[in-house]
PDB file of N, CA and C in Angstrom:
ATOM      1  N   MET A   1      13.645   4.201 -13.477  1.00  0.00           N
ATOM      2  CA  MET A   1      12.206   4.184 -13.250  1.00  0.00           C
ATOM      3  C   MET A   1      11.860   3.073 -12.265  1.00  0.00           C
ATOM      4  N   THR A   2      10.886   3.336 -11.436  1.00  0.00           N
ATOM      5  CA  THR A   2      10.432   2.361 -10.461  1.00  0.00           C
ATOM      6  C   THR A   2       9.695   1.236 -11.166  1.00  0.00           C
ATOM      7  N   ASP A   3      10.015  -0.003 -10.780  1.00  0.00           N
ATOM      8  CA  ASP A   3       9.285  -1.141 -11.327  1.00  0.00           C
ATOM      9  C   ASP A   3       7.897  -1.170 -10.709  1.00  0.00           C
ATOM     10  N   ILE A   4       6.892  -1.239 -11.555  1.00  0.00           N
ATOM     11  CA  ILE A   4       5.512  -1.308 -11.088  1.00  0.00           C
ATOM     12  C   ILE A   4       4.958  -2.673 -11.455  1.00  0.00           C
ATOM     13  N   ILE A   5       4.356  -3.328 -10.482  1.00  0.00           N
ATOM     14  CA  ILE A   5       3.754  -4.641 -10.700  1.00  0.00           C
ATOM     15  C   ILE A   5       2.242  -4.455 -10.769  1.00  0.00           C
ATOM     16  N   PHE A   6       1.637  -4.959 -11.815  1.00  0.00           N
ATOM     17  CA  PHE A   6       0.178  -4.945 -11.940  1.00  0.00           C
ATOM     18  C   PHE A   6      -0.318  -6.372 -11.784  1.00  0.00           C
ATOM     19  N   ASP A   7      -1.340  -6.547 -10.980  1.00  0.00           N
ATOM     20  CA  ASP A   7      -1.925  -7.864 -10.765  1.00  0.00           C
ATOM     21  C   ASP A   7      -3.357  -7.645 -10.304  1.00  0.00           C
ATOM     22  N   THR A   8      -4.104  -8.704 -10.176  1.00  0.00           N
ATOM     23  CA  THR A   8      -5.464  -8.595  -9.656  1.00  0.00           C
ATOM     24  C   THR A   8      -5.608  -9.487  -8.439  1.00  0.00           C
ATOM     25  N   THR A   9      -6.584  -9.165  -7.635  1.00  0.00           N
ATOM     26  CA  THR A   9      -6.917  -9.962  -6.468  1.00  0.00           C
ATOM     27  C   THR A   9      -8.402  -9.741  -6.222  1.00  0.00           C
ATOM     28  N   LYS A  10      -8.971 -10.455  -5.285  1.00  0.00           N
ATOM     29  CA  LYS A  10     -10.382 -10.231  -4.984  1.00  0.00           C
ATOM     30  C   LYS A  10     -10.593 -10.213  -3.486  1.00  0.00           C
ATOM     31  N   ILE A  11     -11.725  -9.684  -3.106  1.00  0.00           N
ATOM     32  CA  ILE A  11     -12.066  -9.546  -1.699  1.00  0.00           C
ATOM     33  C   ILE A  11     -12.849 -10.777  -1.260  1.00  0.00           C
ATOM     34  N   SER A  12     -12.432 -11.355  -0.127  1.00  0.00           N
ATOM     35  CA  SER A  12     -13.138 -12.523   0.405  1.00  0.00           C
ATOM     36  C   SER A  12     -14.420 -12.069   1.102  1.00  0.00           C
ATOM     37  N   GLN A  13     -15.247 -13.033   1.502  1.00  0.00           N
ATOM     38  CA  GLN A  13     -16.487 -12.709   2.219  1.00  0.00           C
ATOM     39  C   GLN A  13     -16.193 -11.977   3.524  1.00  0.00           C
ATOM     40  N   ARG A  14     -15.004 -12.196   4.084  1.00  0.00           N
ATOM     41  CA  ARG A  14     -14.618 -11.540   5.339  1.00  0.00           C
ATOM     42  C   ARG A  14     -13.930 -10.197   5.092  1.00  0.00           C
ATOM     43  N   GLY A  15     -13.864  -9.761   3.830  1.00  0.00           N
ATOM     44  CA  GLY A  15     -13.251  -8.477   3.515  1.00  0.00           C
ATOM     45  C   GLY A  15     -11.738  -8.531   3.388  1.00  0.00           C
ATOM     46  N   GLN A  16     -11.183  -9.737   3.330  1.00  0.00           N
ATOM     47  CA  GLN A  16      -9.735  -9.883   3.223  1.00  0.00           C
ATOM     48  C   GLN A  16      -9.296  -9.833   1.765  1.00  0.00           C
ATOM     49  N   VAL A  17      -8.107  -9.274   1.558  1.00  0.00           N
ATOM     50  CA  VAL A  17      -7.523  -9.173   0.226  1.00  0.00           C
ATOM     51  C   VAL A  17      -6.147  -9.826   0.272  1.00  0.00           C
ATOM     52  N   VAL A  18      -5.867 -10.704  -0.685  1.00  0.00           N
ATOM     53  CA  VAL A  18      -4.557 -11.349  -0.764  1.00  0.00           C
ATOM     54  C   VAL A  18      -3.629 -10.457  -1.580  1.00  0.00           C
ATOM     55  N   ILE A  19      -2.468 -10.144  -1.020  1.00  0.00           N
ATOM     56  CA  ILE A  19      -1.444  -9.410  -1.764  1.00  0.00           C
ATOM     57  C   ILE A  19      -0.651 -10.453  -2.542  1.00  0.00           C
ATOM     58  N   PRO A  20      -0.579 -10.321  -3.863  1.00  0.00           N
ATOM     59  CA  PRO A  20       0.117 -11.326  -4.672  1.00  0.00           C
ATOM     60  C   PRO A  20       1.552 -11.568  -4.193  1.00  0.00           C
ATOM     61  N   LYS A  21       2.008 -12.819  -4.299  1.00  0.00           N
ATOM     62  CA  LYS A  21       3.333 -13.216  -3.819  1.00  0.00           C
ATOM     63  C   LYS A  21       4.438 -12.369  -4.422  1.00  0.00           C
ATOM     64  N   GLU A  22       4.344 -12.067  -5.707  1.00  0.00           N
ATOM     65  CA  GLU A  22       5.382 -11.260  -6.364  1.00  0.00           C
ATOM     66  C   GLU A  22       5.521  -9.892  -5.681  1.00  0.00           C
ATOM     67  N   VAL A  23       4.403  -9.322  -5.285  1.00  0.00           N
ATOM     68  CA  VAL A  23       4.416  -8.025  -4.602  1.00  0.00           C
ATOM     69  C   VAL A  23       4.984  -8.180  -3.196  1.00  0.00           C
ATOM     70  N   ARG A  24       4.529  -9.208  -2.466  1.00  0.00           N
ATOM     71  CA  ARG A  24       5.054  -9.445  -1.115  1.00  0.00           C
ATOM     72  C   ARG A  24       6.559  -9.634  -1.142  1.00  0.00           C
ATOM     73  N   ASP A  25       7.046 -10.401  -2.121  1.00  0.00           N
ATOM     74  CA  ASP A  25       8.488 -10.639  -2.237  1.00  0.00           C
ATOM     75  C   ASP A  25       9.234  -9.352  -2.570  1.00  0.00           C
ATOM     76  N   LYS A  26       8.738  -8.598  -3.531  1.00  0.00           N
ATOM     77  CA  LYS A  26       9.403  -7.356  -3.958  1.00  0.00           C
ATOM     78  C   LYS A  26       9.518  -6.367  -2.804  1.00  0.00           C
ATOM     79  N   LEU A  27       8.470  -6.283  -1.995  1.00  0.00           N
ATOM     80  CA  LEU A  27       8.443  -5.326  -0.886  1.00  0.00           C
ATOM     81  C   LEU A  27       8.896  -5.930   0.434  1.00  0.00           C
ATOM     82  N   ASP A  28       9.286  -7.210   0.399  1.00  0.00           N
ATOM     83  CA  ASP A  28       9.748  -7.925   1.593  1.00  0.00           C
ATOM     84  C   ASP A  28       8.718  -7.842   2.720  1.00  0.00           C
ATOM     85  N   LEU A  29       7.455  -8.071   2.377  1.00  0.00           N
ATOM     86  CA  LEU A  29       6.382  -8.059   3.368  1.00  0.00           C
ATOM     87  C   LEU A  29       6.350  -9.390   4.101  1.00  0.00           C
ATOM     88  N   LYS A  30       6.186  -9.322   5.401  1.00  0.00           N
ATOM     89  CA  LYS A  30       6.180 -10.517   6.244  1.00  0.00           C
ATOM     90  C   LYS A  30       4.808 -10.715   6.883  1.00  0.00           C
ATOM     91  N   VAL A  31       4.518 -11.949   7.261  1.00  0.00           N
ATOM     92  CA  VAL A  31       3.270 -12.273   7.959  1.00  0.00           C
ATOM     93  C   VAL A  31       3.174 -11.426   9.227  1.00  0.00           C
ATOM     94  N   GLY A  32       2.034 -10.822   9.434  1.00  0.00           N
ATOM     95  CA  GLY A  32       1.804 -10.022  10.633  1.00  0.00           C
ATOM     96  C   GLY A  32       2.261  -8.575  10.521  1.00  0.00           C
ATOM     97  N   GLN A  33       2.932  -8.236   9.429  1.00  0.00           N
ATOM     98  CA  GLN A  33       3.394  -6.860   9.250  1.00  0.00           C
ATOM     99  C   GLN A  33       2.190  -5.942   9.079  1.00  0.00           C
ATOM    100  N   ARG A  34       2.253  -4.767   9.690  1.00  0.00           N
ATOM    101  CA  ARG A  34       1.128  -3.833   9.632  1.00  0.00           C
ATOM    102  C   ARG A  34       1.242  -2.932   8.416  1.00  0.00           C
ATOM    103  N   LEU A  35       0.088  -2.632   7.828  1.00  0.00           N
ATOM    104  CA  LEU A  35       0.006  -1.758   6.667  1.00  0.00           C
ATOM    105  C   LEU A  35      -1.014  -0.660   6.943  1.00  0.00           C
ATOM    106  N   ILE A  36      -0.754   0.511   6.407  1.00  0.00           N
ATOM    107  CA  ILE A  36      -1.732   1.593   6.457  1.00  0.00           C
ATOM    108  C   ILE A  36      -2.576   1.485   5.192  1.00  0.00           C
ATOM    109  N   VAL A  37      -3.884   1.629   5.325  1.00  0.00           N
ATOM    110  CA  VAL A  37      -4.795   1.581   4.183  1.00  0.00           C
ATOM    111  C   VAL A  37      -5.260   3.004   3.900  1.00  0.00           C
ATOM    112  N   ILE A  38      -5.046   3.446   2.658  1.00  0.00           N
ATOM    113  CA  ILE A  38      -5.416   4.797   2.255  1.00  0.00           C
ATOM    114  C   ILE A  38      -6.395   4.681   1.093  1.00  0.00           C
ATOM    115  N   ALA A  39      -7.549   5.321   1.227  1.00  0.00           N
ATOM    116  CA  ALA A  39      -8.539   5.317   0.147  1.00  0.00           C
ATOM    117  C   ALA A  39      -8.620   6.716  -0.443  1.00  0.00           C
ATOM    118  N   ALA A  40      -8.516   6.803  -1.764  1.00  0.00           N
ATOM    119  CA  ALA A  40      -8.608   8.088  -2.460  1.00  0.00           C
ATOM    120  C   ALA A  40      -9.475   7.884  -3.689  1.00  0.00           C
ATOM    121  N   ASP A  41     -10.596   8.580  -3.734  1.00  0.00           N
ATOM    122  CA  ASP A  41     -11.554   8.397  -4.820  1.00  0.00           C
ATOM    123  C   ASP A  41     -11.869   6.910  -4.965  1.00  0.00           C
ATOM    124  N   ASP A  42     -11.517   6.302  -6.094  1.00  0.00           N
ATOM    125  CA  ASP A  42     -11.813   4.879  -6.281  1.00  0.00           C
ATOM    126  C   ASP A  42     -10.550   4.023  -6.226  1.00  0.00           C
ATOM    127  N   ALA A  43      -9.510   4.510  -5.538  1.00  0.00           N
ATOM    128  CA  ALA A  43      -8.249   3.768  -5.423  1.00  0.00           C
ATOM    129  C   ALA A  43      -7.956   3.439  -3.965  1.00  0.00           C
ATOM    130  N   ILE A  44      -7.248   2.343  -3.761  1.00  0.00           N
ATOM    131  CA  ILE A  44      -6.787   1.946  -2.436  1.00  0.00           C
ATOM    132  C   ILE A  44      -5.274   1.806  -2.514  1.00  0.00           C
ATOM    133  N   VAL A  45      -4.577   2.404  -1.542  1.00  0.00           N
ATOM    134  CA  VAL A  45      -3.122   2.293  -1.467  1.00  0.00           C
ATOM    135  C   VAL A  45      -2.780   1.650  -0.132  1.00  0.00           C
ATOM    136  N   LEU A  46      -1.909   0.658  -0.154  1.00  0.00           N
ATOM    137  CA  LEU A  46      -1.402   0.045   1.066  1.00  0.00           C
ATOM    138  C   LEU A  46       0.038   0.501   1.243  1.00  0.00           C
ATOM    139  N   GLN A  47       0.389   0.966   2.438  1.00  0.00           N
ATOM    140  CA  GLN A  47       1.734   1.447   2.724  1.00  0.00           C
ATOM    141  C   GLN A  47       2.230   0.771   3.991  1.00  0.00           C
ATOM    142  N   ARG A  48       3.456   0.265   3.947  1.00  0.00           N
ATOM    143  CA  ARG A  48       4.043  -0.324   5.148  1.00  0.00           C
ATOM    144  C   ARG A  48       4.106   0.708   6.260  1.00  0.00           C
ATOM    145  N   VAL A  49       3.828   0.258   7.467  1.00  0.00           N
ATOM    146  CA  VAL A  49       3.973   1.124   8.628  1.00  0.00           C
ATOM    147  C   VAL A  49       5.443   1.061   9.026  1.00  0.00           C
ATOM    148  N   GLU A  50       6.066   2.215   9.022  1.00  0.00           N
ATOM    149  CA  GLU A  50       7.463   2.282   9.437  1.00  0.00           C
ATOM    150  C   GLU A  50       7.517   3.116  10.707  1.00  0.00           C
ATOM    151  N   LEU A  51       8.269   2.664  11.650  1.00  0.00           N
ATOM    152  CA  LEU A  51       8.357   3.370  12.919  1.00  0.00           C
ATOM    153  C   LEU A  51       9.610   4.231  12.955  1.00  0.00           C
ATOM    154  N   ALA A  52       9.477   5.436  13.420  1.00  0.00           N
ATOM    155  CA  ALA A  52      10.622   6.309  13.677  1.00  0.00           C
ATOM    156  C   ALA A  52      10.734   6.354  15.190  1.00  0.00           C
ATOM    157  N   GLY A  53      11.645   5.554  15.738  1.00  0.00           N
ATOM    158  CA  GLY A  53      11.664   5.341  17.179  1.00  0.00           C
ATOM    159  C   GLY A  53      10.414   4.567  17.496  1.00  0.00           C
ATOM    160  N   GLU A  54       9.525   5.150  18.288  1.00  0.00           N
ATOM    161  CA  GLU A  54       8.258   4.486  18.579  1.00  0.00           C
ATOM    162  C   GLU A  54       7.086   5.284  18.031  1.00  0.00           C
ATOM    163  N   LYS A  55       7.367   6.273  17.195  1.00  0.00           N
ATOM    164  CA  LYS A  55       6.309   7.146  16.683  1.00  0.00           C
ATOM    165  C   LYS A  55       6.133   6.940  15.188  1.00  0.00           C
ATOM    166  N   LEU A  56       4.905   6.779  14.736  1.00  0.00           N
ATOM    167  CA  LEU A  56       4.626   6.621  13.310  1.00  0.00           C
ATOM    168  C   LEU A  56       4.936   7.911  12.562  1.00  0.00           C
ATOM    169  N   ARG A  57       5.507   7.757  11.398  1.00  0.00           N
ATOM    170  CA  ARG A  57       5.766   8.907  10.533  1.00  0.00           C
ATOM    171  C   ARG A  57       4.558   9.078   9.613  1.00  0.00           C
ATOM    172  N   THR A  58       3.423   9.306  10.207  1.00  0.00           N
ATOM    173  CA  THR A  58       2.162   9.324   9.470  1.00  0.00           C
ATOM    174  C   THR A  58       2.150  10.363   8.356  1.00  0.00           C
ATOM    175  N   ARG A  59       2.596  11.569   8.642  1.00  0.00           N
ATOM    176  CA  ARG A  59       2.553  12.631   7.627  1.00  0.00           C
ATOM    177  C   ARG A  59       3.380  12.242   6.408  1.00  0.00           C
ATOM    178  N   GLU A  60       4.585  11.730   6.627  1.00  0.00           N
ATOM    179  CA  GLU A  60       5.449  11.320   5.512  1.00  0.00           C
ATOM    180  C   GLU A  60       4.799  10.190   4.716  1.00  0.00           C
ATOM    181  N   ILE A  61       4.223   9.231   5.411  1.00  0.00           N
ATOM    182  CA  ILE A  61       3.569   8.108   4.740  1.00  0.00           C
ATOM    183  C   ILE A  61       2.400   8.614   3.897  1.00  0.00           C
ATOM    184  N   MET A  62       1.601   9.512   4.445  1.00  0.00           N
ATOM    185  CA  MET A  62       0.459  10.045   3.708  1.00  0.00           C
ATOM    186  C   MET A  62       0.915  10.831   2.480  1.00  0.00           C
ATOM    187  N   GLU A  63       1.984  11.612   2.626  1.00  0.00           N
ATOM    188  CA  GLU A  63       2.489  12.385   1.489  1.00  0.00           C
ATOM    189  C   GLU A  63       3.015  11.459   0.393  1.00  0.00           C
ATOM    190  N   ARG A  64       3.739  10.399   0.786  1.00  0.00           N
ATOM    191  CA  ARG A  64       4.254   9.448  -0.195  1.00  0.00           C
ATOM    192  C   ARG A  64       3.113   8.723  -0.896  1.00  0.00           C
ATOM    193  N   ALA A  65       2.081   8.350  -0.136  1.00  0.00           N
ATOM    194  CA  ALA A  65       0.936   7.654  -0.730  1.00  0.00           C
ATOM    195  C   ALA A  65       0.208   8.572  -1.709  1.00  0.00           C
ATOM    196  N   ARG A  66       0.032   9.830  -1.328  1.00  0.00           N
ATOM    197  CA  ARG A  66      -0.648  10.778  -2.215  1.00  0.00           C
ATOM    198  C   ARG A  66       0.155  10.976  -3.495  1.00  0.00           C
ATOM    199  N   ALA A  67       1.476  11.095  -3.364  1.00  0.00           N
ATOM    200  CA  ALA A  67       2.336  11.260  -4.542  1.00  0.00           C
ATOM    201  C   ALA A  67       2.230  10.046  -5.459  1.00  0.00           C
ATOM    202  N   LEU A  68       2.189   8.845  -4.872  1.00  0.00           N
ATOM    203  CA  LEU A  68       2.071   7.628  -5.672  1.00  0.00           C
ATOM    204  C   LEU A  68       0.731   7.585  -6.394  1.00  0.00           C
ATOM    205  N   VAL A  69      -0.331   7.903  -5.680  1.00  0.00           N
ATOM    206  CA  VAL A  69      -1.668   7.898  -6.281  1.00  0.00           C
ATOM    207  C   VAL A  69      -1.718   8.895  -7.438  1.00  0.00           C
ATOM    208  N   GLU A  70      -1.138  10.082  -7.237  1.00  0.00           N
ATOM    209  CA  GLU A  70      -1.117  11.088  -8.305  1.00  0.00           C
ATOM    210  C   GLU A  70      -0.265  10.619  -9.478  1.00  0.00           C
ATOM    211  N   LYS A  71       0.899  10.026  -9.188  1.00  0.00           N
ATOM    212  CA  LYS A  71       1.800   9.542 -10.238  1.00  0.00           C
ATOM    213  C   LYS A  71       1.117   8.489 -11.108  1.00  0.00           C
ATOM    214  N   LEU A  72       0.345   7.631 -10.477  1.00  0.00           N
ATOM    215  CA  LEU A  72      -0.342   6.569 -11.212  1.00  0.00           C
ATOM    216  C   LEU A  72      -1.637   7.066 -11.859  1.00  0.00           C
ATOM    217  N   GLY A  73      -1.966   8.324 -11.629  1.00  0.00           N
ATOM    218  CA  GLY A  73      -3.164   8.899 -12.242  1.00  0.00           C
ATOM    219  C   GLY A  73      -4.453   8.375 -11.644  1.00  0.00           C
ATOM    220  N   LEU A  74      -4.433   8.038 -10.360  1.00  0.00           N
ATOM    221  CA  LEU A  74      -5.617   7.451  -9.734  1.00  0.00           C
ATOM    222  C   LEU A  74      -6.541   8.487  -9.107  1.00  0.00           C
ATOM    223  N   LEU A  75      -6.088   9.735  -9.013  1.00  0.00           N
ATOM    224  CA  LEU A  75      -6.965  10.787  -8.497  1.00  0.00           C
ATOM    225  C   LEU A  75      -7.717  11.414  -9.649  1.00  0.00           C
ATOM    226  N   ARG A  76      -8.947  11.747  -9.419  1.00  0.00           N
ATOM    227  CA  ARG A  76      -9.763  12.367 -10.474  1.00  0.00           C
ATOM    228  C   ARG A  76      -9.569  13.859 -10.475  1.00  0.00           C
TER     229      ARG A  76
END
């Protein structure tokens, strides 16, 4: 089973959200790394942007994000 980390964060006045260190470490996120933001109903999913050559694999990323949102029961 995939390890799932639950934590809380808050939005700054500038709209910034801090990703908890445990999550950054687990996903090996680095400063300046780009993320795709996906909003579904009342959920937000962040997905690392991965390049296939120089082209984004947008469809695959969207499908994986949708599957994750459904798995976590975040879609109504």
